[in-house]
PDB file of N, CA and C in Angstrom:
ATOM      1  N   MET A   1      -4.090  -0.431  18.368  1.00  0.00           N
ATOM      2  CA  MET A   1      -5.352   0.237  18.684  1.00  0.00           C
ATOM      3  C   MET A   1      -6.487  -0.640  18.207  1.00  0.00           C
ATOM      4  N   ILE A   2      -7.526  -0.592  19.000  1.00  0.00           N
ATOM      5  CA  ILE A   2      -8.742  -1.322  18.616  1.00  0.00           C
ATOM      6  C   ILE A   2      -9.912  -0.391  18.725  1.00  0.00           C
ATOM      7  N   PRO A   3     -10.889  -0.521  17.861  1.00  0.00           N
ATOM      8  CA  PRO A   3     -12.120   0.281  18.021  1.00  0.00           C
ATOM      9  C   PRO A   3     -12.979  -0.267  19.129  1.00  0.00           C
ATOM     10  N   VAL A   4     -13.565   0.616  19.920  1.00  0.00           N
ATOM     11  CA  VAL A   4     -14.356   0.217  21.044  1.00  0.00           C
ATOM     12  C   VAL A   4     -15.747   0.846  21.000  1.00  0.00           C
ATOM     13  N   GLU A   5     -16.735   0.163  21.591  1.00  0.00           N
ATOM     14  CA  GLU A   5     -18.047   0.720  21.666  1.00  0.00           C
ATOM     15  C   GLU A   5     -18.036   1.822  22.709  1.00  0.00           C
ATOM     16  N   PHE A   6     -18.977   2.787  22.550  1.00  0.00           N
ATOM     17  CA  PHE A   6     -19.223   3.850  23.565  1.00  0.00           C
ATOM     18  C   PHE A   6     -20.663   4.113  23.643  1.00  0.00           C
ATOM     19  N   SER A   7     -21.019   4.961  24.575  1.00  0.00           N
ATOM     20  CA  SER A   7     -22.469   5.090  24.889  1.00  0.00           C
ATOM     21  C   SER A   7     -23.301   5.550  23.733  1.00  0.00           C
ATOM     22  N   ARG A   8     -22.856   6.267  22.809  1.00  0.00           N
ATOM     23  CA  ARG A   8     -23.713   6.796  21.702  1.00  0.00           C
ATOM     24  C   ARG A   8     -23.672   5.875  20.465  1.00  0.00           C
ATOM     25  N   CYS A   9     -23.015   4.772  20.431  1.00  0.00           N
ATOM     26  CA  CYS A   9     -22.937   3.917  19.269  1.00  0.00           C
ATOM     27  C   CYS A   9     -24.347   3.579  18.747  1.00  0.00           C
ATOM     28  N   ASN A  10     -24.527   3.810  17.480  1.00  0.00           N
ATOM     29  CA  ASN A  10     -25.818   3.412  16.823  1.00  0.00           C
ATOM     30  C   ASN A  10     -25.615   2.765  15.485  1.00  0.00           C
ATOM     31  N   ALA A  11     -24.343   2.424  15.180  1.00  0.00           N
ATOM     32  CA  ALA A  11     -24.018   1.732  13.936  1.00  0.00           C
ATOM     33  C   ALA A  11     -22.744   0.958  14.134  1.00  0.00           C
ATOM     34  N   THR A  12     -22.595  -0.132  13.264  1.00  0.00           N
ATOM     35  CA  THR A  12     -21.322  -0.885  13.265  1.00  0.00           C
ATOM     36  C   THR A  12     -20.940  -1.060  11.811  1.00  0.00           C
ATOM     37  N   TYR A  13     -19.895  -0.525  11.406  1.00  0.00           N
ATOM     38  CA  TYR A  13     -19.385  -0.741  10.051  1.00  0.00           C
ATOM     39  C   TYR A  13     -18.579  -1.986   9.954  1.00  0.00           C
ATOM     40  N   ALA A  14     -18.561  -2.592   8.767  1.00  0.00           N
ATOM     41  CA  ALA A  14     -17.885  -3.848   8.448  1.00  0.00           C
ATOM     42  C   ALA A  14     -18.289  -4.975   9.361  1.00  0.00           C
ATOM     43  N   LYS A  15     -19.474  -4.976   9.824  1.00  0.00           N
ATOM     44  CA  LYS A  15     -19.951  -6.016  10.775  1.00  0.00           C
ATOM     45  C   LYS A  15     -19.795  -7.425  10.179  1.00  0.00           C
ATOM     46  N   ASN A  16     -20.096  -7.587   8.913  1.00  0.00           N
ATOM     47  CA  ASN A  16     -20.025  -8.863   8.238  1.00  0.00           C
ATOM     48  C   ASN A  16     -18.957  -8.985   7.213  1.00  0.00           C
ATOM     49  N   GLN A  17     -17.840  -8.287   7.459  1.00  0.00           N
ATOM     50  CA  GLN A  17     -16.701  -8.274   6.510  1.00  0.00           C
ATOM     51  C   GLN A  17     -15.491  -8.805   7.329  1.00  0.00           C
ATOM     52  N   PRO A  18     -15.218 -10.084   7.206  1.00  0.00           N
ATOM     53  CA  PRO A  18     -14.111 -10.687   8.015  1.00  0.00           C
ATOM     54  C   PRO A  18     -12.728 -10.064   7.775  1.00  0.00           C
ATOM     55  N   GLU A  19     -12.520  -9.433   6.650  1.00  0.00           N
ATOM     56  CA  GLU A  19     -11.241  -8.852   6.355  1.00  0.00           C
ATOM     57  C   GLU A  19     -10.954  -7.592   7.147  1.00  0.00           C
ATOM     58  N   TYR A  20     -12.032  -7.081   7.801  1.00  0.00           N
ATOM     59  CA  TYR A  20     -11.930  -5.845   8.608  1.00  0.00           C
ATOM     60  C   TYR A  20     -12.364  -6.083  10.031  1.00  0.00           C
ATOM     61  N   LEU A  21     -11.926  -5.226  10.924  1.00  0.00           N
ATOM     62  CA  LEU A  21     -12.469  -5.315  12.300  1.00  0.00           C
ATOM     63  C   LEU A  21     -13.840  -4.576  12.294  1.00  0.00           C
ATOM     64  N   PRO A  22     -14.825  -5.084  12.969  1.00  0.00           N
ATOM     65  CA  PRO A  22     -16.060  -4.311  13.100  1.00  0.00           C
ATOM     66  C   PRO A  22     -15.761  -2.965  13.753  1.00  0.00           C
ATOM     67  N   LEU A  23     -16.370  -1.928  13.230  1.00  0.00           N
ATOM     68  CA  LEU A  23     -16.141  -0.570  13.708  1.00  0.00           C
ATOM     69  C   LEU A  23     -17.409   0.032  14.287  1.00  0.00           C
ATOM     70  N   PRO A  24     -17.496   0.018  15.657  1.00  0.00           N
ATOM     71  CA  PRO A  24     -18.618   0.656  16.321  1.00  0.00           C
ATOM     72  C   PRO A  24     -18.554   2.150  16.060  1.00  0.00           C
ATOM     73  N   ALA A  25     -19.686   2.781  15.877  1.00  0.00           N
ATOM     74  CA  ALA A  25     -19.655   4.202  15.563  1.00  0.00           C
ATOM     75  C   ALA A  25     -20.969   4.905  15.931  1.00  0.00           C
ATOM     76  N   TYR A  26     -20.890   6.213  16.083  1.00  0.00           N
ATOM     77  CA  TYR A  26     -22.039   7.025  16.179  1.00  0.00           C
ATOM     78  C   TYR A  26     -22.231   7.761  14.853  1.00  0.00           C
ATOM     79  N   ARG A  27     -23.339   7.501  14.201  1.00  0.00           N
ATOM     80  CA  ARG A  27     -23.620   8.160  12.923  1.00  0.00           C
ATOM     81  C   ARG A  27     -24.645   9.148  13.177  1.00  0.00           C
ATOM     82  N   ALA A  28     -24.297  10.492  13.029  1.00  0.00           N
ATOM     83  CA  ALA A  28     -25.180  11.605  13.284  1.00  0.00           C
ATOM     84  C   ALA A  28     -26.049  11.901  12.096  1.00  0.00           C
ATOM     85  N   PRO A  29     -27.190  12.556  12.287  1.00  0.00           N
ATOM     86  CA  PRO A  29     -28.083  12.884  11.227  1.00  0.00           C
ATOM     87  C   PRO A  29     -27.458  13.742  10.114  1.00  0.00           C
ATOM     88  N   ASP A  30     -26.421  14.519  10.454  1.00  0.00           N
ATOM     89  CA  ASP A  30     -25.750  15.400   9.474  1.00  0.00           C
ATOM     90  C   ASP A  30     -24.689  14.647   8.650  1.00  0.00           C
ATOM     91  N   GLY A  31     -24.511  13.316   8.918  1.00  0.00           N
ATOM     92  CA  GLY A  31     -23.608  12.543   8.127  1.00  0.00           C
ATOM     93  C   GLY A  31     -22.236  12.365   8.715  1.00  0.00           C
ATOM     94  N   THR A  32     -21.963  13.019   9.835  1.00  0.00           N
ATOM     95  CA  THR A  32     -20.659  12.844  10.499  1.00  0.00           C
ATOM     96  C   THR A  32     -20.664  11.484  11.220  1.00  0.00           C
ATOM     97  N   VAL A  33     -19.513  10.864  11.294  1.00  0.00           N
ATOM     98  CA  VAL A  33     -19.351   9.607  11.988  1.00  0.00           C
ATOM     99  C   VAL A  33     -18.220   9.697  13.041  1.00  0.00           C
ATOM    100  N   THR A  34     -18.526   9.298  14.227  1.00  0.00           N
ATOM    101  CA  THR A  34     -17.539   9.333  15.295  1.00  0.00           C
ATOM    102  C   THR A  34     -17.245   7.941  15.799  1.00  0.00           C
ATOM    103  N   THR A  35     -15.980   7.593  15.921  1.00  0.00           N
ATOM    104  CA  THR A  35     -15.562   6.314  16.436  1.00  0.00           C
ATOM    105  C   THR A  35     -14.627   6.527  17.613  1.00  0.00           C
ATOM    106  N   CYS A  36     -14.417   5.486  18.462  1.00  0.00           N
ATOM    107  CA  CYS A  36     -13.524   5.620  19.601  1.00  0.00           C
ATOM    108  C   CYS A  36     -12.569   4.466  19.559  1.00  0.00           C
ATOM    109  N   TRP A  37     -11.318   4.735  19.899  1.00  0.00           N
ATOM    110  CA  TRP A  37     -10.270   3.720  19.771  1.00  0.00           C
ATOM    111  C   TRP A  37      -9.493   3.618  21.110  1.00  0.00           C
ATOM    112  N   ARG A  38      -9.133   2.415  21.485  1.00  0.00           N
ATOM    113  CA  ARG A  38      -8.377   2.194  22.708  1.00  0.00           C
ATOM    114  C   ARG A  38      -6.932   1.822  22.350  1.00  0.00           C
ATOM    115  N   LEU A  39      -5.987   2.479  23.038  1.00  0.00           N
ATOM    116  CA  LEU A  39      -4.557   2.182  22.841  1.00  0.00           C
ATOM    117  C   LEU A  39      -4.100   1.194  23.915  1.00  0.00           C
ATOM    118  N   ASP A  40      -3.292   0.290  23.560  1.00  0.00           N
ATOM    119  CA  ASP A  40      -2.684  -0.606  24.570  1.00  0.00           C
ATOM    120  C   ASP A  40      -1.529   0.170  25.216  1.00  0.00           C
ATOM    121  N   TRP A  41      -0.897  -0.408  26.225  1.00  0.00           N
ATOM    122  CA  TRP A  41       0.158   0.321  26.995  1.00  0.00           C
ATOM    123  C   TRP A  41       1.364   0.597  26.095  1.00  0.00           C
ATOM    124  N   HIS A  42       1.646  -0.255  25.142  1.00  0.00           N
ATOM    125  CA  HIS A  42       2.810  -0.105  24.256  1.00  0.00           C
ATOM    126  C   HIS A  42       2.521   1.165  23.344  1.00  0.00           C
ATOM    127  N   GLU A  43       1.322   1.192  22.798  1.00  0.00           N
ATOM    128  CA  GLU A  43       0.958   2.358  22.015  1.00  0.00           C
ATOM    129  C   GLU A  43       0.904   3.653  22.744  1.00  0.00           C
ATOM    130  N   ARG A  44       0.441   3.594  23.957  1.00  0.00           N
ATOM    131  CA  ARG A  44       0.434   4.789  24.838  1.00  0.00           C
ATOM    132  C   ARG A  44       1.858   5.325  25.062  1.00  0.00           C
ATOM    133  N   LEU A  45       2.781   4.441  25.286  1.00  0.00           N
ATOM    134  CA  LEU A  45       4.179   4.834  25.478  1.00  0.00           C
ATOM    135  C   LEU A  45       4.730   5.475  24.182  1.00  0.00           C
ATOM    136  N   HIS A  46       4.370   4.900  23.005  1.00  0.00           N
ATOM    137  CA  HIS A  46       4.824   5.490  21.743  1.00  0.00           C
ATOM    138  C   HIS A  46       4.291   6.899  21.572  1.00  0.00           C
ATOM    139  N   VAL A  47       3.038   7.115  21.905  1.00  0.00           N
ATOM    140  CA  VAL A  47       2.474   8.473  21.772  1.00  0.00           C
ATOM    141  C   VAL A  47       3.124   9.397  22.850  1.00  0.00           C
ATOM    142  N   LEU A  48       3.294   8.902  24.056  1.00  0.00           N
ATOM    143  CA  LEU A  48       3.857   9.722  25.138  1.00  0.00           C
ATOM    144  C   LEU A  48       5.270  10.191  24.781  1.00  0.00           C
ATOM    145  N   PHE A  49       6.098   9.267  24.295  1.00  0.00           N
ATOM    146  CA  PHE A  49       7.482   9.621  24.068  1.00  0.00           C
ATOM    147  C   PHE A  49       7.746  10.039  22.620  1.00  0.00           C
ATOM    148  N   GLY A  50       6.984   9.596  21.682  1.00  0.00           N
ATOM    149  CA  GLY A  50       7.189   9.940  20.264  1.00  0.00           C
ATOM    150  C   GLY A  50       6.329  11.167  19.823  1.00  0.00           C
ATOM    151  N   GLY A  51       5.225  11.329  20.470  1.00  0.00           N
ATOM    152  CA  GLY A  51       4.362  12.478  20.149  1.00  0.00           C
ATOM    153  C   GLY A  51       3.742  12.377  18.774  1.00  0.00           C
ATOM    154  N   ARG A  52       3.616  11.173  18.218  1.00  0.00           N
ATOM    155  CA  ARG A  52       3.002  11.040  16.856  1.00  0.00           C
ATOM    156  C   ARG A  52       1.917  10.034  16.839  1.00  0.00           C
ATOM    157  N   ILE A  53       0.902  10.266  16.015  1.00  0.00           N
ATOM    158  CA  ILE A  53      -0.121   9.303  15.712  1.00  0.00           C
ATOM    159  C   ILE A  53      -0.199   9.247  14.180  1.00  0.00           C
ATOM    160  N   TRP A  54      -0.211   8.071  13.643  1.00  0.00           N
ATOM    161  CA  TRP A  54      -0.274   7.873  12.227  1.00  0.00           C
ATOM    162  C   TRP A  54      -1.702   7.484  11.816  1.00  0.00           C
ATOM    163  N   LEU A  55      -2.142   7.959  10.653  1.00  0.00           N
ATOM    164  CA  LEU A  55      -3.430   7.649  10.128  1.00  0.00           C
ATOM    165  C   LEU A  55      -3.251   7.119   8.694  1.00  0.00           C
ATOM    166  N   LYS A  56      -3.740   5.942   8.473  1.00  0.00           N
ATOM    167  CA  LYS A  56      -3.687   5.356   7.140  1.00  0.00           C
ATOM    168  C   LYS A  56      -5.122   5.148   6.637  1.00  0.00           C
ATOM    169  N   MET A  57      -5.453   5.664   5.507  1.00  0.00           N
ATOM    170  CA  MET A  57      -6.817   5.645   4.997  1.00  0.00           C
ATOM    171  C   MET A  57      -6.888   4.853   3.720  1.00  0.00           C
ATOM    172  N   LEU A  58      -7.887   3.992   3.611  1.00  0.00           N
ATOM    173  CA  LEU A  58      -8.147   3.207   2.432  1.00  0.00           C
ATOM    174  C   LEU A  58      -9.142   3.959   1.532  1.00  0.00           C
ATOM    175  N   THR A  59      -8.667   4.676   0.569  1.00  0.00           N
ATOM    176  CA  THR A  59      -9.509   5.522  -0.258  1.00  0.00           C
ATOM    177  C   THR A  59     -10.021   4.777  -1.510  1.00  0.00           C
ATOM    178  N   PHE A  60      -9.367   3.686  -1.866  1.00  0.00           N
ATOM    179  CA  PHE A  60      -9.709   2.913  -3.068  1.00  0.00           C
ATOM    180  C   PHE A  60      -9.738   3.836  -4.295  1.00  0.00           C
ATOM    181  N   ASN A  61      -8.785   4.807  -4.261  1.00  0.00           N
ATOM    182  CA  ASN A  61      -8.574   5.756  -5.347  1.00  0.00           C
ATOM    183  C   ASN A  61      -9.780   6.710  -5.517  1.00  0.00           C
ATOM    184  N   LYS A  62     -10.500   6.877  -4.450  1.00  0.00           N
ATOM    185  CA  LYS A  62     -11.593   7.893  -4.436  1.00  0.00           C
ATOM    186  C   LYS A  62     -11.083   9.112  -3.748  1.00  0.00           C
ATOM    187  N   PRO A  63     -11.820  10.283  -3.834  1.00  0.00           N
ATOM    188  CA  PRO A  63     -11.377  11.488  -3.114  1.00  0.00           C
ATOM    189  C   PRO A  63     -11.243  11.236  -1.619  1.00  0.00           C
ATOM    190  N   LEU A  64     -10.224  11.908  -1.051  1.00  0.00           N
ATOM    191  CA  LEU A  64     -10.022  11.775   0.369  1.00  0.00           C
ATOM    192  C   LEU A  64     -11.087  12.495   1.149  1.00  0.00           C
ATOM    193  N   GLN A  65     -11.639  11.874   2.189  1.00  0.00           N
ATOM    194  CA  GLN A  65     -12.615  12.523   3.035  1.00  0.00           C
ATOM    195  C   GLN A  65     -11.963  13.307   4.131  1.00  0.00           C
ATOM    196  N   PRO A  66     -12.548  14.381   4.661  1.00  0.00           N
ATOM    197  CA  PRO A  66     -11.996  15.041   5.805  1.00  0.00           C
ATOM    198  C   PRO A  66     -12.032  14.168   7.042  1.00  0.00           C
ATOM    199  N   VAL A  67     -10.985  14.250   7.857  1.00  0.00           N
ATOM    200  CA  VAL A  67     -10.922  13.468   9.053  1.00  0.00           C
ATOM    201  C   VAL A  67     -10.453  14.404  10.229  1.00  0.00           C
ATOM    202  N   LEU A  68     -10.731  13.981  11.459  1.00  0.00           N
ATOM    203  CA  LEU A  68     -10.300  14.720  12.593  1.00  0.00           C
ATOM    204  C   LEU A  68      -9.836  13.721  13.661  1.00  0.00           C
ATOM    205  N   LEU A  69      -8.565  13.776  14.079  1.00  0.00           N
ATOM    206  CA  LEU A  69      -8.070  12.980  15.174  1.00  0.00           C
ATOM    207  C   LEU A  69      -8.134  13.843  16.457  1.00  0.00           C
ATOM    208  N   SER A  70      -8.545  13.167  17.530  1.00  0.00           N
ATOM    209  CA  SER A  70      -8.665  13.932  18.792  1.00  0.00           C
ATOM    210  C   SER A  70      -8.408  13.028  19.929  1.00  0.00           C
ATOM    211  N   THR A  71      -8.017  13.658  21.090  1.00  0.00           N
ATOM    212  CA  THR A  71      -7.799  12.800  22.322  1.00  0.00           C
ATOM    213  C   THR A  71      -8.954  12.957  23.270  1.00  0.00           C
ATOM    214  N   THR A  72     -10.004  13.753  22.855  1.00  0.00           N
ATOM    215  CA  THR A  72     -11.210  13.901  23.614  1.00  0.00           C
ATOM    216  C   THR A  72     -12.369  13.723  22.680  1.00  0.00           C
ATOM    217  N   ASP A  73     -13.580  13.596  23.220  1.00  0.00           N
ATOM    218  CA  ASP A  73     -14.756  13.408  22.371  1.00  0.00           C
ATOM    219  C   ASP A  73     -14.910  14.682  21.542  1.00  0.00           C
ATOM    220  N   PRO A  74     -14.861  14.575  20.220  1.00  0.00           N
ATOM    221  CA  PRO A  74     -14.904  15.747  19.322  1.00  0.00           C
ATOM    222  C   PRO A  74     -16.363  16.379  19.303  1.00  0.00           C
ATOM    223  N   ASP A  75     -17.355  15.654  19.872  1.00  0.00           N
ATOM    224  CA  ASP A  75     -18.714  16.221  19.806  1.00  0.00           C
ATOM    225  C   ASP A  75     -19.405  16.002  21.132  1.00  0.00           C
ATOM    226  N   PRO A  76     -18.955  16.559  22.238  1.00  0.00           N
ATOM    227  CA  PRO A  76     -19.518  16.313  23.523  1.00  0.00           C
ATOM    228  C   PRO A  76     -21.007  16.767  23.609  1.00  0.00           C
ATOM    229  N   ILE A  77     -21.384  17.732  22.768  1.00  0.00           N
ATOM    230  CA  ILE A  77     -22.776  18.163  22.781  1.00  0.00           C
ATOM    231  C   ILE A  77     -23.734  17.084  22.344  1.00  0.00           C
ATOM    232  N   ALA A  78     -23.194  16.167  21.476  1.00  0.00           N
ATOM    233  CA  ALA A  78     -24.036  15.041  20.993  1.00  0.00           C
ATOM    234  C   ALA A  78     -24.465  14.191  22.109  1.00  0.00           C
ATOM    235  N   MET A  79     -23.775  14.171  23.226  1.00  0.00           N
ATOM    236  CA  MET A  79     -24.190  13.308  24.338  1.00  0.00           C
ATOM    237  C   MET A  79     -25.559  13.748  24.872  1.00  0.00           C
ATOM    238  N   ALA A  80     -25.849  14.987  24.718  1.00  0.00           N
ATOM    239  CA  ALA A  80     -27.098  15.510  25.253  1.00  0.00           C
ATOM    240  C   ALA A  80     -28.302  15.273  24.270  1.00  0.00           C
ATOM    241  N   ARG A  81     -27.958  14.935  23.031  1.00  0.00           N
ATOM    242  CA  ARG A  81     -29.016  14.692  22.048  1.00  0.00           C
ATOM    243  C   ARG A  81     -29.737  13.352  22.351  1.00  0.00           C
ATOM    244  N   PRO A  82     -31.043  13.221  21.953  1.00  0.00           N
ATOM    245  CA  PRO A  82     -31.717  11.961  22.185  1.00  0.00           C
ATOM    246  C   PRO A  82     -31.188  10.896  21.278  1.00  0.00           C
TER     247      PRO A  82
END
Protein backbone atom coordinates (compact mmCIF):
# COMPACT_ATOMS: atom_id res chain seq x y z
CA MET A 1 0.00 0.00 0.00
CA ILE A 2 1.17 3.48 -0.72
CA PRO A 3 -0.26 6.78 0.46
CA VAL A 4 -1.61 8.88 -2.40
CA GLU A 5 -2.59 12.50 -2.82
CA PHE A 6 -6.27 13.34 -3.29
CA SER A 7 -8.20 16.50 -4.07
CA ARG A 8 -8.51 17.79 -0.50
CA CYS A 9 -4.86 17.31 0.57
CA ASN A 10 -3.65 20.32 2.53
CA ALA A 11 -0.79 18.78 4.52
CA THR A 12 2.04 16.28 4.12
CA TYR A 13 3.34 14.46 7.17
CA ALA A 14 6.95 13.22 7.37
CA LYS A 15 7.86 15.31 4.32
CA ASN A 16 11.49 15.68 5.44
CA GLN A 17 11.87 12.40 7.33
CA PRO A 18 13.63 9.90 5.05
CA GLU A 19 12.88 6.97 7.37
CA TYR A 20 9.15 7.38 6.55
CA LEU A 21 7.11 7.75 3.37
CA PRO A 22 5.64 11.23 2.95
CA LEU A 23 1.98 11.05 3.96
CA PRO A 24 -0.37 13.36 2.04
CA ALA A 25 -3.40 14.21 4.15
CA TYR A 26 -6.41 16.41 4.65
CA ARG A 27 -6.18 18.04 8.08
CA ALA A 28 -9.59 19.37 9.12
CA PRO A 29 -10.13 22.31 11.49
CA ASP A 30 -11.54 19.92 14.13
CA GLY A 31 -8.24 18.01 14.26
CA THR A 32 -9.25 14.95 12.25
CA VAL A 33 -6.80 13.78 9.61
CA THR A 34 -7.81 11.81 6.51
CA THR A 35 -5.38 9.93 4.27
CA CYS A 36 -5.87 7.82 1.15
CA TRP A 37 -3.99 4.64 0.28
CA ARG A 38 -3.67 2.72 -2.99
CA LEU A 39 -3.41 -1.07 -3.01
CA ASP A 40 -1.45 -2.88 -5.71
CA TRP A 41 -3.04 -5.88 -7.47
CA HIS A 42 -1.41 -8.36 -5.08
CA GLU A 43 -2.82 -6.54 -2.04
CA ARG A 44 -6.24 -6.32 -3.67
CA LEU A 45 -6.26 -10.09 -4.13
CA HIS A 46 -5.27 -10.58 -0.48
CA VAL A 47 -8.20 -8.42 0.64
CA LEU A 48 -10.61 -10.03 -1.84
CA PHE A 49 -9.82 -13.60 -0.84
CA GLY A 50 -8.59 -13.13 2.72
CA GLY A 51 -11.05 -10.44 3.82
CA ARG A 52 -8.53 -8.88 6.20
CA ILE A 53 -6.69 -5.58 6.50
CA TRP A 54 -3.95 -5.18 9.09
CA LEU A 55 -3.14 -1.92 10.84
CA LYS A 56 0.17 -1.38 12.62
CA MET A 57 0.53 1.84 14.59
CA LEU A 58 3.69 3.39 15.96
CA THR A 59 2.58 4.78 19.32
CA PHE A 60 6.06 5.25 20.81
CA ASN A 61 4.49 4.05 24.08
CA LYS A 62 1.98 6.91 24.07
CA PRO A 63 -1.81 6.44 24.33
CA LEU A 64 -3.43 4.87 21.28
CA GLN A 65 -5.36 7.31 19.13
CA PRO A 66 -8.76 6.39 17.65
CA VAL A 67 -8.58 5.26 14.02
CA LEU A 68 -11.10 4.40 11.30
CA LEU A 69 -10.39 2.17 8.31
CA SER A 70 -12.78 2.56 5.39
CA THR A 71 -13.13 1.56 1.75
CA THR A 72 -14.88 4.83 0.91
CA ASP A 73 -14.20 8.47 1.76
CA PRO A 74 -15.10 8.65 5.47
CA ASP A 75 -15.99 12.35 5.20
CA PRO A 76 -17.65 13.00 1.82
CA ILE A 77 -19.28 16.17 3.20
CA ALA A 78 -15.79 17.68 3.56
CA MET A 79 -15.55 17.76 -0.23
CA ALA A 80 -18.15 20.54 -0.22
CA ARG A 81 -16.23 22.62 2.32
CA PRO A 82 -14.04 25.46 1.02
